[in-house]
Amino acid sequence: MPETELSGQKTYITQGEQAIGDQPGHMIVTILGSCVAVCLWDPAARTGGMNHILLPETPASSIGFKSAGACAMEMLINGLLKSGAEKERLRAKVFGGAAIISGLSDIGLRNCAFARDFLLTEGIPTDAESLGGSQARQIRFWPYTGKVRQRFVPAVEAPPTVVPPAPAGNDMELF
């Protein structure tokens, strides 16, 4: 990668957030577990953006609305259009959807399916994807060039749980 892509402004996003950039060296960064990030880029306009999707569908309450799939995608696309991108030229790269805690839920798989289906329905081609697995990922996206770097985050084992012994009783009985 040229040096200009390695230095410059960094924007960190978390669940329900999105960022857009059109300057050389600007990088958008996130860390994903079961969440999915979609990086969209218009190569002609040299603008792109990334979102961080927590859930594929809108929750019953509106608290997490911006982190739900369709809303997150529409916000990203609309932001890109405002910055000079054209929908017909958008290209996608999709990451995340891991099963970090085995047996807990299928949210990662559901997020992956949502992202793929949304992009297919909207006619946005996917140039690359890294979905599923069991490890978290750090994603670095340079929206000016459309380049992405992914780094798997090593799993951290939880420390063993120590249960203290029960206190000695005083032979008192309550009735």
Protein backbone atom coordinates (compact mmCIF):
# COMPACT_ATOMS: atom_id res chain seq x y z
CA MET A 1 0.00 0.00 0.00
CA PRO A 2 1.29 3.50 -0.74
CA GLU A 3 2.40 5.52 2.27
CA THR A 4 -0.53 7.94 1.86
CA GLU A 5 -2.92 5.11 2.72
CA LEU A 6 -1.04 4.31 5.92
CA SER A 7 -1.08 7.81 7.39
CA GLY A 8 -3.93 10.23 7.88
CA GLN A 9 -7.16 10.59 9.77
CA LYS A 10 -8.72 7.58 11.51
CA THR A 11 -12.40 7.27 12.24
CA TYR A 12 -13.47 4.53 14.65
CA ILE A 13 -17.04 3.24 14.44
CA THR A 14 -19.01 0.94 16.73
CA GLN A 15 -22.43 -0.71 16.67
CA GLY A 16 -25.01 1.34 14.82
CA GLU A 17 -22.50 3.84 13.49
CA GLN A 18 -21.27 4.58 9.99
CA ALA A 19 -18.61 6.82 8.51
CA ILE A 20 -17.88 8.17 5.04
CA GLY A 21 -14.65 9.52 3.62
CA ASP A 22 -13.22 10.88 0.40
CA GLN A 23 -9.70 11.99 1.33
CA PRO A 24 -6.44 10.14 0.65
CA GLY A 25 -5.13 8.53 3.84
CA HIS A 26 -8.47 8.59 5.68
CA MET A 27 -9.11 5.23 7.35
CA ILE A 28 -12.29 3.87 8.94
CA VAL A 29 -11.76 1.22 11.61
CA THR A 30 -14.06 -1.15 13.50
CA ILE A 31 -13.92 -4.42 15.42
CA LEU A 32 -16.53 -7.09 14.70
CA GLY A 33 -17.73 -10.22 16.42
CA SER A 34 -21.18 -11.38 15.32
CA CYS A 35 -21.83 -7.94 13.84
CA VAL A 36 -21.31 -7.27 10.14
CA ALA A 37 -19.61 -4.31 8.48
CA VAL A 38 -20.34 -3.40 4.89
CA CYS A 39 -17.73 -1.29 3.10
CA LEU A 40 -19.17 0.50 0.06
CA TRP A 41 -17.00 2.36 -2.44
CA ASP A 42 -17.52 4.33 -5.63
CA PRO A 43 -14.24 4.03 -7.58
CA ALA A 44 -15.04 6.94 -9.93
CA ALA A 45 -16.00 9.40 -7.17
CA ARG A 46 -13.22 8.06 -4.89
CA THR A 47 -15.57 8.05 -1.93
CA GLY A 48 -16.62 5.24 0.34
CA GLY A 49 -18.03 4.38 3.71
CA MET A 50 -18.47 1.63 6.25
CA ASN A 51 -21.27 0.74 8.65
CA HIS A 52 -21.45 -1.58 11.67
CA ILE A 53 -24.64 -3.68 11.70
CA LEU A 54 -25.66 -5.17 15.06
CA LEU A 55 -28.93 -6.88 14.09
CA PRO A 56 -30.42 -7.89 10.74
CA GLU A 57 -33.87 -6.56 11.56
CA THR A 58 -35.27 -3.68 13.59
CA PRO A 59 -35.77 -4.62 17.26
CA ALA A 60 -39.19 -4.31 18.88
CA SER A 61 -38.09 -1.11 20.62
CA SER A 62 -36.58 1.76 18.65
CA ILE A 63 -33.49 1.93 20.89
CA GLY A 64 -31.27 0.02 18.45
CA PHE A 65 -32.91 1.25 15.25
CA LYS A 66 -29.74 2.73 13.68
CA SER A 67 -27.86 -0.53 14.27
CA ALA A 68 -30.47 -2.64 12.43
CA GLY A 69 -29.60 -3.85 8.95
CA ALA A 70 -31.89 -1.99 6.55
CA CYS A 71 -31.56 1.32 8.38
CA ALA A 72 -27.77 1.01 8.59
CA MET A 73 -27.53 0.24 4.87
CA GLU A 74 -29.88 3.04 3.81
CA MET A 75 -28.00 5.56 5.97
CA LEU A 76 -24.69 4.49 4.42
CA ILE A 77 -25.96 4.59 0.84
CA ASN A 78 -27.69 7.96 1.32
CA GLY A 79 -24.54 9.40 2.89
CA LEU A 80 -22.46 8.21 -0.05
CA LEU A 81 -24.91 9.68 -2.56
CA LYS A 82 -24.69 13.03 -0.75
CA SER A 83 -20.89 12.89 -1.02
CA GLY A 84 -20.96 12.41 -4.80
CA ALA A 85 -21.21 8.64 -5.25
CA GLU A 86 -23.61 7.08 -7.72
CA LYS A 87 -25.50 3.97 -6.70
CA GLU A 88 -24.83 2.21 -10.04
CA ARG A 89 -21.07 2.41 -9.40
CA LEU A 90 -21.04 1.19 -5.78
CA ARG A 91 -18.93 -1.88 -4.95
CA ALA A 92 -19.11 -3.81 -1.66
CA LYS A 93 -16.80 -5.67 0.69
CA VAL A 94 -18.45 -7.44 3.64
CA PHE A 95 -16.94 -8.68 6.91
CA GLY A 96 -17.95 -10.23 10.25
CA GLY A 97 -20.76 -12.49 11.35
CA ALA A 98 -18.65 -14.73 13.58
CA ALA A 99 -20.00 -17.14 16.19
CA ILE A 100 -17.88 -15.84 19.05
CA ILE A 101 -19.67 -17.80 21.78
CA SER A 102 -20.59 -21.22 20.45
CA GLY A 103 -24.13 -22.37 21.04
CA LEU A 104 -25.38 -18.91 22.07
CA SER A 105 -27.32 -17.81 18.99
CA ASP A 106 -27.23 -17.65 15.22
CA ILE A 107 -27.10 -13.83 15.05
CA GLY A 108 -23.80 -13.88 13.12
CA LEU A 109 -25.28 -16.12 10.43
CA ARG A 110 -28.42 -13.99 10.27
CA ASN A 111 -26.32 -10.83 9.88
CA CYS A 112 -24.34 -12.46 7.05
CA ALA A 113 -27.51 -13.54 5.26
CA PHE A 114 -29.01 -10.06 5.63
CA ALA A 115 -25.95 -8.31 4.15
CA ARG A 116 -25.72 -10.69 1.19
CA ASP A 117 -29.46 -10.48 0.47
CA PHE A 118 -29.55 -6.68 0.75
CA LEU A 119 -26.64 -6.19 -1.64
CA LEU A 120 -28.08 -8.70 -4.12
CA THR A 121 -31.52 -7.05 -4.00
CA GLU A 122 -30.02 -3.58 -4.49
CA GLY A 123 -27.79 -4.78 -7.34
CA ILE A 124 -24.55 -3.82 -5.58
CA PRO A 125 -21.76 -6.26 -6.52
CA THR A 126 -19.67 -7.78 -3.75
CA ASP A 127 -15.96 -7.76 -4.58
CA ALA A 128 -14.84 -9.50 -1.38
CA GLU A 129 -16.22 -11.00 1.78
CA SER A 130 -14.94 -12.64 4.93
CA LEU A 131 -17.92 -13.90 6.88
CA GLY A 132 -18.56 -16.42 9.64
CA GLY A 133 -15.98 -18.35 11.58
CA SER A 134 -15.40 -18.04 15.30
CA GLN A 135 -12.94 -15.15 15.61
CA ALA A 136 -13.44 -11.43 15.96
CA ARG A 137 -12.00 -9.21 13.22
CA GLN A 138 -10.50 -5.75 13.07
CA ILE A 139 -11.37 -4.04 9.79
CA ARG A 140 -9.46 -1.09 8.34
CA PHE A 141 -11.02 0.55 5.28
CA TRP A 142 -9.53 3.32 3.14
CA PRO A 143 -12.61 4.86 1.47
CA TYR A 144 -10.62 6.90 -1.07
CA THR A 145 -9.08 3.78 -2.65
CA GLY A 146 -11.55 1.07 -1.58
CA LYS A 147 -8.77 -1.01 0.01
CA VAL A 148 -9.51 -3.06 3.12
CA ARG A 149 -7.28 -4.85 5.61
CA GLN A 150 -8.65 -7.48 7.93
CA ARG A 151 -6.90 -8.80 11.01
CA PHE A 152 -8.30 -11.64 13.07
CA VAL A 153 -8.32 -10.87 16.77
CA PRO A 154 -6.95 -13.78 18.83
CA ALA A 155 -9.51 -15.42 21.09
CA VAL A 156 -9.08 -14.68 24.77
CA GLU A 157 -9.80 -17.48 27.20
CA ALA A 158 -11.88 -16.52 30.20
CA PRO A 159 -10.09 -17.01 33.50
CA PRO A 160 -11.32 -19.97 35.53
CA THR A 161 -14.13 -19.23 37.93
CA VAL A 162 -13.12 -19.59 41.55
CA VAL A 163 -15.95 -20.46 43.91
CA PRO A 164 -15.14 -19.68 47.54
CA PRO A 165 -15.94 -22.40 50.07
CA ALA A 166 -19.23 -22.09 51.91
CA PRO A 167 -18.89 -20.35 55.28
CA ALA A 168 -18.91 -22.63 58.31
CA GLY A 169 -22.34 -22.81 59.89
CA ASN A 170 -23.13 -21.93 63.49
CA ASP A 171 -25.71 -24.67 63.91
CA MET A 172 -28.47 -22.11 64.25
CA GLU A 173 -31.82 -23.06 62.78
CA LEU A 174 -34.47 -20.54 61.88
CA PHE A 175 -38.11 -21.53 61.91
